[in-house]
Amino acid sequence: MTAPIVELVGVRRKFGDHLAVDGLSFAVGAGEIVSLLGRTGAGKSTILNLIMGTMPPTAGQVRVAGFDPYREFKALRGKLAVSFQTDRLLPWRNAIENAELGLLILGAPAAEARRKALGWLARVGLQGAESKYVHELSGGMRQRVSLARALAVDPELVLLDESFSQLDHVTSATLRADFAGIARADGKTCLLVTHRIEDALEMSDRVVVLRTPGRVALEIKLDEAERRSDDVRARLRQEIAEAMGGD
């Protein structure tokens, strides 16, 4: 694996008497697409918050692009972007105005922000929809705007928090394929947090399967041929389902 963009070493996180993450270690190398896959209660949201720097670990170390995301939160400004389960678009802004928002917050000149946002909307398949407002966009289109907004700032790390889980099956599958293609073409480092086995198998170079409380139960590497193979995915789906099972 290349030098890690994300690295967790012996991470533990407690909330009072509740142990959410226990001795977790894993890394994401530059240019990798890695999925954190687990059922509800497996610690996915806690791990995501540790990586985003919104909370510190109780024990262990978290590093993102070489920084402690909690103690050096400002150093990661512009290096990390997140696409959430809900699109979180501002309804009073149209698609292009939403897509350029992150760039403007980071201080990019207005003309540059507009140019980059237009380019990313085109790359995610929304050319011609730039002036549409949120209520005029389908769920899949809104999620594409959210992804364009995240990618436009050219982050070192893209975090995908259940970004495809609220879409219908066909829309989700198309968007997953489109996003993975863009990420690989641009060498983007991505961490996908999901409870859906299919999302992880179709998109990832590696799948890290979690089991309660926040422990690695299984790790799987996938190449392109394996991601495309129905037989391989069916076999792995069963292995993963067993690994995700309750204690």
C-alpha atoms as a PDB file:
ATOM      1  CA  MET A   1       0.000   0.000   0.000  1.00  0.00           C
ATOM      2  CA  THR A   2       1.138   3.545  -0.709  1.00  0.00           C
ATOM      3  CA  ALA A   3       1.791   6.032   2.106  1.00  0.00           C
ATOM      4  CA  PRO A   4      -1.434   6.262   4.121  1.00  0.00           C
ATOM      5  CA  ILE A   5      -3.755   9.235   3.848  1.00  0.00           C
ATOM      6  CA  VAL A   6      -5.820   7.815   6.714  1.00  0.00           C
ATOM      7  CA  GLU A   7      -4.272   5.814   9.545  1.00  0.00           C
ATOM      8  CA  LEU A   8      -5.862   4.551  12.742  1.00  0.00           C
ATOM      9  CA  VAL A   9      -3.673   2.690  15.225  1.00  0.00           C
ATOM     10  CA  GLY A  10      -5.121   0.948  18.285  1.00  0.00           C
ATOM     11  CA  VAL A  11      -8.071   3.333  18.388  1.00  0.00           C
ATOM     12  CA  ARG A  12     -10.555   3.026  21.209  1.00  0.00           C
ATOM     13  CA  ARG A  13     -13.557   5.278  21.811  1.00  0.00           C
ATOM     14  CA  LYS A  14     -15.890   5.147  24.800  1.00  0.00           C
ATOM     15  CA  PHE A  15     -19.003   7.150  25.603  1.00  0.00           C
ATOM     16  CA  GLY A  16     -19.376   6.742  29.345  1.00  0.00           C
ATOM     17  CA  ASP A  17     -19.679   2.994  29.872  1.00  0.00           C
ATOM     18  CA  HIS A  18     -20.448   2.313  26.207  1.00  0.00           C
ATOM     19  CA  LEU A  19     -17.543   1.032  24.106  1.00  0.00           C
ATOM     20  CA  ALA A  20     -18.134   2.121  20.496  1.00  0.00           C
ATOM     21  CA  VAL A  21     -14.713   1.323  19.000  1.00  0.00           C
ATOM     22  CA  ASP A  22     -12.244  -1.155  20.444  1.00  0.00           C
ATOM     23  CA  GLY A  23      -8.597  -1.448  19.361  1.00  0.00           C
ATOM     24  CA  LEU A  24      -9.238  -0.505  15.731  1.00  0.00           C
ATOM     25  CA  SER A  25      -6.299  -0.321  13.317  1.00  0.00           C
ATOM     26  CA  PHE A  26      -6.530   0.214   9.563  1.00  0.00           C
ATOM     27  CA  ALA A  27      -5.141   2.525   6.899  1.00  0.00           C
ATOM     28  CA  VAL A  28      -6.146   3.978   3.541  1.00  0.00           C
ATOM     29  CA  GLY A  29      -3.367   4.546   1.027  1.00  0.00           C
ATOM     30  CA  ALA A  30      -3.238   7.402  -1.471  1.00  0.00           C
ATOM     31  CA  GLY A  31      -5.492   6.692  -4.436  1.00  0.00           C
ATOM     32  CA  GLU A  32      -7.342   3.826  -2.748  1.00  0.00           C
ATOM     33  CA  ILE A  33     -11.099   3.412  -2.501  1.00  0.00           C
ATOM     34  CA  VAL A  34     -11.761   1.650   0.786  1.00  0.00           C
ATOM     35  CA  SER A  35     -15.111   0.734   2.319  1.00  0.00           C
ATOM     36  CA  LEU A  36     -15.862   0.514   6.015  1.00  0.00           C
ATOM     37  CA  LEU A  37     -18.733  -1.941   6.055  1.00  0.00           C
ATOM     38  CA  GLY A  38     -20.793  -2.866   9.081  1.00  0.00           C
ATOM     39  CA  ARG A  39     -24.229  -3.211  10.577  1.00  0.00           C
ATOM     40  CA  THR A  40     -25.866  -0.579  12.756  1.00  0.00           C
ATOM     41  CA  GLY A  41     -23.933  -0.359  16.027  1.00  0.00           C
ATOM     42  CA  ALA A  42     -20.625  -1.511  14.512  1.00  0.00           C
ATOM     43  CA  GLY A  43     -19.037   1.899  15.136  1.00  0.00           C
ATOM     44  CA  LYS A  44     -19.104   3.312  11.594  1.00  0.00           C
ATOM     45  CA  SER A  45     -20.420   6.752  12.547  1.00  0.00           C
ATOM     46  CA  THR A  46     -17.997   7.033  15.463  1.00  0.00           C
ATOM     47  CA  ILE A  47     -15.058   6.144  13.213  1.00  0.00           C
ATOM     48  CA  LEU A  48     -16.184   8.704  10.642  1.00  0.00           C
ATOM     49  CA  ASN A  49     -16.355  11.407  13.316  1.00  0.00           C
ATOM     50  CA  LEU A  50     -12.887  10.472  14.573  1.00  0.00           C
ATOM     51  CA  ILE A  51     -11.508  10.853  11.039  1.00  0.00           C
ATOM     52  CA  MET A  52     -13.342  14.153  10.496  1.00  0.00           C
ATOM     53  CA  GLY A  53     -11.898  15.435  13.767  1.00  0.00           C
ATOM     54  CA  THR A  54     -15.189  16.162  15.491  1.00  0.00           C
ATOM     55  CA  MET A  55     -14.117  14.028  18.473  1.00  0.00           C
ATOM     56  CA  PRO A  56     -10.844  12.606  19.848  1.00  0.00           C
ATOM     57  CA  PRO A  57     -10.177   8.911  20.471  1.00  0.00           C
ATOM     58  CA  THR A  58     -10.212   7.693  24.060  1.00  0.00           C
ATOM     59  CA  ALA A  59      -7.003   5.840  23.241  1.00  0.00           C
ATOM     60  CA  GLY A  60      -4.847   5.240  20.165  1.00  0.00           C
ATOM     61  CA  GLN A  61      -3.924   7.498  17.262  1.00  0.00           C
ATOM     62  CA  VAL A  62      -5.812   8.905  14.280  1.00  0.00           C
ATOM     63  CA  ARG A  63      -3.970  10.594  11.408  1.00  0.00           C
ATOM     64  CA  VAL A  64      -5.340  12.160   8.245  1.00  0.00           C
ATOM     65  CA  ALA A  65      -2.785  13.392   5.697  1.00  0.00           C
ATOM     66  CA  GLY A  66      -0.253  13.286   8.520  1.00  0.00           C
ATOM     67  CA  PHE A  67      -2.309  15.430  10.911  1.00  0.00           C
ATOM     68  CA  ASP A  68      -4.246  14.682  14.077  1.00  0.00           C
ATOM     69  CA  PRO A  69      -7.725  15.643  12.815  1.00  0.00           C
ATOM     70  CA  TYR A  70      -9.011  16.646  16.263  1.00  0.00           C
ATOM     71  CA  ARG A  71      -6.009  18.607  17.537  1.00  0.00           C
ATOM     72  CA  GLU A  72      -5.006  20.002  14.135  1.00  0.00           C
ATOM     73  CA  PHE A  73      -8.471  20.481  12.690  1.00  0.00           C
ATOM     74  CA  LYS A  74      -7.619  23.720  10.864  1.00  0.00           C
ATOM     75  CA  ALA A  75      -4.640  22.129   9.106  1.00  0.00           C
ATOM     76  CA  LEU A  76      -7.050  19.828   7.241  1.00  0.00           C
ATOM     77  CA  ARG A  77      -9.154  22.685   5.876  1.00  0.00           C
ATOM     78  CA  GLY A  78      -9.616  21.952   2.175  1.00  0.00           C
ATOM     79  CA  LYS A  79      -7.844  18.584   2.404  1.00  0.00           C
ATOM     80  CA  LEU A  80     -10.950  16.631   3.372  1.00  0.00           C
ATOM     81  CA  ALA A  81     -14.424  16.675   1.845  1.00  0.00           C
ATOM     82  CA  VAL A  82     -17.558  14.794   2.860  1.00  0.00           C
ATOM     83  CA  SER A  83     -20.636  13.651   0.963  1.00  0.00           C
ATOM     84  CA  PHE A  84     -23.381  12.637   3.375  1.00  0.00           C
ATOM     85  CA  GLN A  85     -26.376  10.310   3.224  1.00  0.00           C
ATOM     86  CA  THR A  86     -28.596  13.316   2.598  1.00  0.00           C
ATOM     87  CA  ASP A  87     -27.410  15.816  -0.001  1.00  0.00           C
ATOM     88  CA  ARG A  88     -27.409  18.814   2.401  1.00  0.00           C
ATOM     89  CA  LEU A  89     -27.907  21.259  -0.458  1.00  0.00           C
ATOM     90  CA  LEU A  90     -29.088  24.789   0.254  1.00  0.00           C
ATOM     91  CA  PRO A  91     -32.569  25.130  -1.311  1.00  0.00           C
ATOM     92  CA  TRP A  92     -32.178  28.835  -2.065  1.00  0.00           C
ATOM     93  CA  ARG A  93     -29.113  28.137  -4.208  1.00  0.00           C
ATOM     94  CA  ASN A  94     -29.243  26.447  -7.598  1.00  0.00           C
ATOM     95  CA  ALA A  95     -27.038  23.500  -8.627  1.00  0.00           C
ATOM     96  CA  ILE A  96     -24.015  25.541  -9.688  1.00  0.00           C
ATOM     97  CA  GLU A  97     -24.251  27.787  -6.624  1.00  0.00           C
ATOM     98  CA  ASN A  98     -24.328  24.725  -4.373  1.00  0.00           C
ATOM     99  CA  ALA A  99     -21.457  23.032  -6.218  1.00  0.00           C
ATOM    100  CA  GLU A 100     -19.187  26.077  -5.881  1.00  0.00           C
ATOM    101  CA  LEU A 101     -19.975  26.710  -2.213  1.00  0.00           C
ATOM    102  CA  GLY A 102     -17.014  24.809  -0.750  1.00  0.00           C
ATOM    103  CA  LEU A 103     -14.582  26.634  -3.015  1.00  0.00           C
ATOM    104  CA  LEU A 104     -16.009  30.006  -2.032  1.00  0.00           C
ATOM    105  CA  ILE A 105     -15.797  29.140   1.674  1.00  0.00           C
ATOM    106  CA  LEU A 106     -12.122  28.261   1.133  1.00  0.00           C
ATOM    107  CA  GLY A 107     -11.547  31.697  -0.420  1.00  0.00           C
ATOM    108  CA  ALA A 108     -11.339  30.843  -4.107  1.00  0.00           C
ATOM    109  CA  PRO A 109     -12.057  33.780  -6.452  1.00  0.00           C
ATOM    110  CA  ALA A 110     -15.652  33.746  -7.663  1.00  0.00           C
ATOM    111  CA  ALA A 111     -14.749  33.226 -11.322  1.00  0.00           C
ATOM    112  CA  GLU A 112     -12.443  30.311 -10.494  1.00  0.00           C
ATOM    113  CA  ALA A 113     -15.034  28.723  -8.205  1.00  0.00           C
ATOM    114  CA  ARG A 114     -17.689  29.002 -10.909  1.00  0.00           C
ATOM    115  CA  ARG A 115     -15.389  27.495 -13.573  1.00  0.00           C
ATOM    116  CA  LYS A 116     -14.393  24.536 -11.413  1.00  0.00           C
ATOM    117  CA  ALA A 117     -17.933  23.885 -10.247  1.00  0.00           C
ATOM    118  CA  LEU A 118     -19.219  23.926 -13.830  1.00  0.00           C
ATOM    119  CA  GLY A 119     -16.539  21.435 -14.800  1.00  0.00           C
ATOM    120  CA  TRP A 120     -17.431  19.067 -11.966  1.00  0.00           C
ATOM    121  CA  LEU A 121     -21.158  19.264 -12.620  1.00  0.00           C
ATOM    122  CA  ALA A 122     -20.427  18.216 -16.187  1.00  0.00           C
ATOM    123  CA  ARG A 123     -18.230  15.341 -15.001  1.00  0.00           C
ATOM    124  CA  VAL A 124     -20.929  13.972 -12.716  1.00  0.00           C
ATOM    125  CA  GLY A 125     -23.470  14.101 -15.535  1.00  0.00           C
ATOM    126  CA  LEU A 126     -25.344  17.313 -14.762  1.00  0.00           C
ATOM    127  CA  GLN A 127     -24.414  19.469 -17.737  1.00  0.00           C
ATOM    128  CA  GLY A 128     -27.515  21.476 -18.609  1.00  0.00           C
ATOM    129  CA  ALA A 129     -28.896  21.323 -15.071  1.00  0.00           C
ATOM    130  CA  GLU A 130     -26.660  24.006 -13.581  1.00  0.00           C
ATOM    131  CA  SER A 131     -29.463  26.552 -13.077  1.00  0.00           C
ATOM    132  CA  LYS A 132     -31.979  24.143 -11.547  1.00  0.00           C
ATOM    133  CA  TYR A 133     -32.920  24.597  -7.904  1.00  0.00           C
ATOM    134  CA  VAL A 134     -33.052  21.773  -5.384  1.00  0.00           C
ATOM    135  CA  HIS A 135     -36.812  21.230  -5.733  1.00  0.00           C
ATOM    136  CA  GLU A 136     -36.343  20.780  -9.485  1.00  0.00           C
ATOM    137  CA  LEU A 137     -33.760  17.996  -9.097  1.00  0.00           C
ATOM    138  CA  SER A 138     -34.378  14.290  -8.545  1.00  0.00           C
ATOM    139  CA  GLY A 139     -32.785  12.543  -5.571  1.00  0.00           C
ATOM    140  CA  GLY A 140     -30.025  11.169  -7.756  1.00  0.00           C
ATOM    141  CA  MET A 141     -29.344  14.575  -9.291  1.00  0.00           C
ATOM    142  CA  ARG A 142     -29.163  16.195  -5.857  1.00  0.00           C
ATOM    143  CA  GLN A 143     -26.649  13.584  -4.735  1.00  0.00           C
ATOM    144  CA  ARG A 144     -24.589  14.261  -7.882  1.00  0.00           C
ATOM    145  CA  VAL A 145     -24.485  17.952  -6.949  1.00  0.00           C
ATOM    146  CA  SER A 146     -23.307  16.959  -3.467  1.00  0.00           C
ATOM    147  CA  LEU A 147     -20.516  14.836  -4.960  1.00  0.00           C
ATOM    148  CA  ALA A 148     -19.532  17.631  -7.354  1.00  0.00           C
ATOM    149  CA  ARG A 149     -19.314  20.043  -4.401  1.00  0.00           C
ATOM    150  CA  ALA A 150     -17.056  17.615  -2.531  1.00  0.00           C
ATOM    151  CA  LEU A 151     -14.772  16.948  -5.502  1.00  0.00           C
ATOM    152  CA  ALA A 152     -14.545  20.577  -6.640  1.00  0.00           C
ATOM    153  CA  VAL A 153     -12.260  21.547  -3.735  1.00  0.00           C
ATOM    154  CA  ASP A 154      -9.729  18.905  -4.904  1.00  0.00           C
ATOM    155  CA  PRO A 155      -9.439  17.248  -1.475  1.00  0.00           C
ATOM    156  CA  GLU A 156      -6.794  14.716  -0.505  1.00  0.00           C
ATOM    157  CA  LEU A 157      -9.542  12.584   1.019  1.00  0.00           C
ATOM    158  CA  VAL A 158     -13.209  12.154   0.104  1.00  0.00           C
ATOM    159  CA  LEU A 159     -15.427  10.652   2.798  1.00  0.00           C
ATOM    160  CA  LEU A 160     -18.683   9.102   1.603  1.00  0.00           C
ATOM    161  CA  ASP A 161     -21.147   8.639   4.458  1.00  0.00           C
ATOM    162  CA  GLU A 162     -23.848   6.264   3.170  1.00  0.00           C
ATOM    163  CA  SER A 163     -23.940   8.537   0.115  1.00  0.00           C
ATOM    164  CA  PHE A 164     -25.918   6.113  -2.070  1.00  0.00           C
ATOM    165  CA  SER A 165     -28.174   4.429   0.479  1.00  0.00           C
ATOM    166  CA  GLN A 166     -31.276   6.621   0.086  1.00  0.00           C
ATOM    167  CA  LEU A 167     -31.467   6.246  -3.687  1.00  0.00           C
ATOM    168  CA  ASP A 168     -33.432   3.612  -5.575  1.00  0.00           C
ATOM    169  CA  HIS A 169     -31.495   0.554  -6.760  1.00  0.00           C
ATOM    170  CA  VAL A 170     -30.971   1.634 -10.378  1.00  0.00           C
ATOM    171  CA  THR A 171     -30.048   5.238  -9.543  1.00  0.00           C
ATOM    172  CA  SER A 172     -27.700   4.096  -6.778  1.00  0.00           C
ATOM    173  CA  ALA A 173     -25.922   1.570  -9.010  1.00  0.00           C
ATOM    174  CA  THR A 174     -25.425   4.125 -11.796  1.00  0.00           C
ATOM    175  CA  LEU A 175     -24.137   6.800  -9.444  1.00  0.00           C
ATOM    176  CA  ARG A 176     -21.773   4.376  -7.679  1.00  0.00           C
ATOM    177  CA  ALA A 177     -20.267   3.327 -11.004  1.00  0.00           C
ATOM    178  CA  ASP A 178     -19.945   6.930 -12.203  1.00  0.00           C
ATOM    179  CA  PHE A 179     -18.331   8.118  -8.988  1.00  0.00           C
ATOM    180  CA  ALA A 180     -15.891   5.188  -8.781  1.00  0.00           C
ATOM    181  CA  GLY A 181     -14.863   5.797 -12.393  1.00  0.00           C
ATOM    182  CA  ILE A 182     -14.160   9.467 -11.719  1.00  0.00           C
ATOM    183  CA  ALA A 183     -12.306   8.719  -8.481  1.00  0.00           C
ATOM    184  CA  ARG A 184     -10.042   6.159 -10.144  1.00  0.00           C
ATOM    185  CA  ALA A 185      -9.415   8.351 -13.186  1.00  0.00           C
ATOM    186  CA  ASP A 186      -8.310  11.209 -10.910  1.00  0.00           C
ATOM    187  CA  GLY A 187      -6.490   9.054  -8.349  1.00  0.00           C
ATOM    188  CA  LYS A 188      -8.759  10.223  -5.527  1.00  0.00           C
ATOM    189  CA  THR A 189      -8.462   8.687  -2.074  1.00  0.00           C
ATOM    190  CA  CYS A 190     -11.928   7.703  -0.863  1.00  0.00           C
ATOM    191  CA  LEU A 191     -13.335   6.141   2.278  1.00  0.00           C
ATOM    192  CA  LEU A 192     -16.889   4.856   1.908  1.00  0.00           C
ATOM    193  CA  VAL A 193     -18.841   4.205   5.098  1.00  0.00           C
ATOM    194  CA  THR A 194     -21.788   1.912   4.394  1.00  0.00           C
ATOM    195  CA  HIS A 195     -24.000  -0.882   5.683  1.00  0.00           C
ATOM    196  CA  ARG A 196     -24.729  -2.138   2.151  1.00  0.00           C
ATOM    197  CA  ILE A 197     -22.557  -5.038   1.010  1.00  0.00           C
ATOM    198  CA  GLU A 198     -23.232  -4.428  -2.674  1.00  0.00           C
ATOM    199  CA  ASP A 199     -22.015  -0.816  -2.493  1.00  0.00           C
ATOM    200  CA  ALA A 200     -18.740  -1.938  -0.972  1.00  0.00           C
ATOM    201  CA  LEU A 201     -18.128  -4.812  -3.391  1.00  0.00           C
ATOM    202  CA  GLU A 202     -18.904  -2.798  -6.514  1.00  0.00           C
ATOM    203  CA  MET A 203     -16.757   0.232  -5.650  1.00  0.00           C
ATOM    204  CA  SER A 204     -13.836  -0.742  -3.444  1.00  0.00           C
ATOM    205  CA  ASP A 205     -10.211  -1.717  -3.777  1.00  0.00           C
ATOM    206  CA  ARG A 206     -10.480  -2.981  -0.203  1.00  0.00           C
ATOM    207  CA  VAL A 207     -13.382  -3.742   2.099  1.00  0.00           C
ATOM    208  CA  VAL A 208     -12.861  -3.510   5.851  1.00  0.00           C
ATOM    209  CA  VAL A 209     -15.709  -5.379   7.549  1.00  0.00           C
ATOM    210  CA  LEU A 210     -16.556  -4.209  11.071  1.00  0.00           C
ATOM    211  CA  ARG A 211     -18.168  -6.089  13.891  1.00  0.00           C
ATOM    212  CA  THR A 212     -19.531  -4.642  17.119  1.00  0.00           C
ATOM    213  CA  PRO A 213     -17.927  -2.860  18.910  1.00  0.00           C
ATOM    214  CA  GLY A 214     -15.821  -1.264  16.162  1.00  0.00           C
ATOM    215  CA  ARG A 215     -13.490  -4.186  15.501  1.00  0.00           C
ATOM    216  CA  VAL A 216     -12.164  -5.468  12.177  1.00  0.00           C
ATOM    217  CA  ALA A 217     -13.788  -8.833  11.470  1.00  0.00           C
ATOM    218  CA  LEU A 218     -12.604  -9.311   7.889  1.00  0.00           C
ATOM    219  CA  GLU A 219     -10.572  -7.477   5.242  1.00  0.00           C
ATOM    220  CA  ILE A 220     -10.902  -8.162   1.527  1.00  0.00           C
ATOM    221  CA  LYS A 221      -8.910  -6.878  -1.450  1.00  0.00           C
ATOM    222  CA  LEU A 222     -10.608  -6.620  -4.822  1.00  0.00           C
ATOM    223  CA  ASP A 223      -9.308  -6.011  -8.333  1.00  0.00           C
ATOM    224  CA  GLU A 224     -11.441  -4.826 -11.251  1.00  0.00           C
ATOM    225  CA  ALA A 225     -12.134  -8.329 -12.557  1.00  0.00           C
ATOM    226  CA  GLU A 226     -13.343  -9.443  -9.124  1.00  0.00           C
ATOM    227  CA  ARG A 227     -15.576  -6.386  -8.752  1.00  0.00           C
ATOM    228  CA  ARG A 228     -17.215  -7.256 -12.082  1.00  0.00           C
ATOM    229  CA  SER A 229     -17.627 -10.975 -11.412  1.00  0.00           C
ATOM    230  CA  ASP A 230     -21.101 -12.035 -10.248  1.00  0.00           C
ATOM    231  CA  ASP A 231     -19.671 -15.314  -8.934  1.00  0.00           C
ATOM    232  CA  VAL A 232     -16.954 -13.612  -6.884  1.00  0.00           C
ATOM    233  CA  ARG A 233     -19.388 -11.060  -5.464  1.00  0.00           C
ATOM    234  CA  ALA A 234     -21.853 -13.809  -4.522  1.00  0.00           C
ATOM    235  CA  ARG A 235     -19.141 -15.728  -2.661  1.00  0.00           C
ATOM    236  CA  LEU A 236     -17.852 -12.643  -0.887  1.00  0.00           C
ATOM    237  CA  ARG A 237     -21.348 -11.483  -0.036  1.00  0.00           C
ATOM    238  CA  GLN A 238     -21.847 -14.636   2.013  1.00  0.00           C
ATOM    239  CA  GLU A 239     -18.455 -14.325   3.734  1.00  0.00           C
ATOM    240  CA  ILE A 240     -19.126 -10.709   4.609  1.00  0.00           C
ATOM    241  CA  ALA A 241     -22.644 -11.370   5.892  1.00  0.00           C
ATOM    242  CA  GLU A 242     -21.250 -14.017   8.260  1.00  0.00           C
ATOM    243  CA  ALA A 243     -18.454 -11.691   9.427  1.00  0.00           C
ATOM    244  CA  MET A 244     -20.942  -8.871  10.095  1.00  0.00           C
ATOM    245  CA  GLY A 245     -23.131 -11.101  12.274  1.00  0.00           C
ATOM    246  CA  GLY A 246     -23.739 -10.334  15.938  1.00  0.00           C
ATOM    247  CA  ASP A 247     -21.362 -11.358  18.692  1.00  0.00           C
END
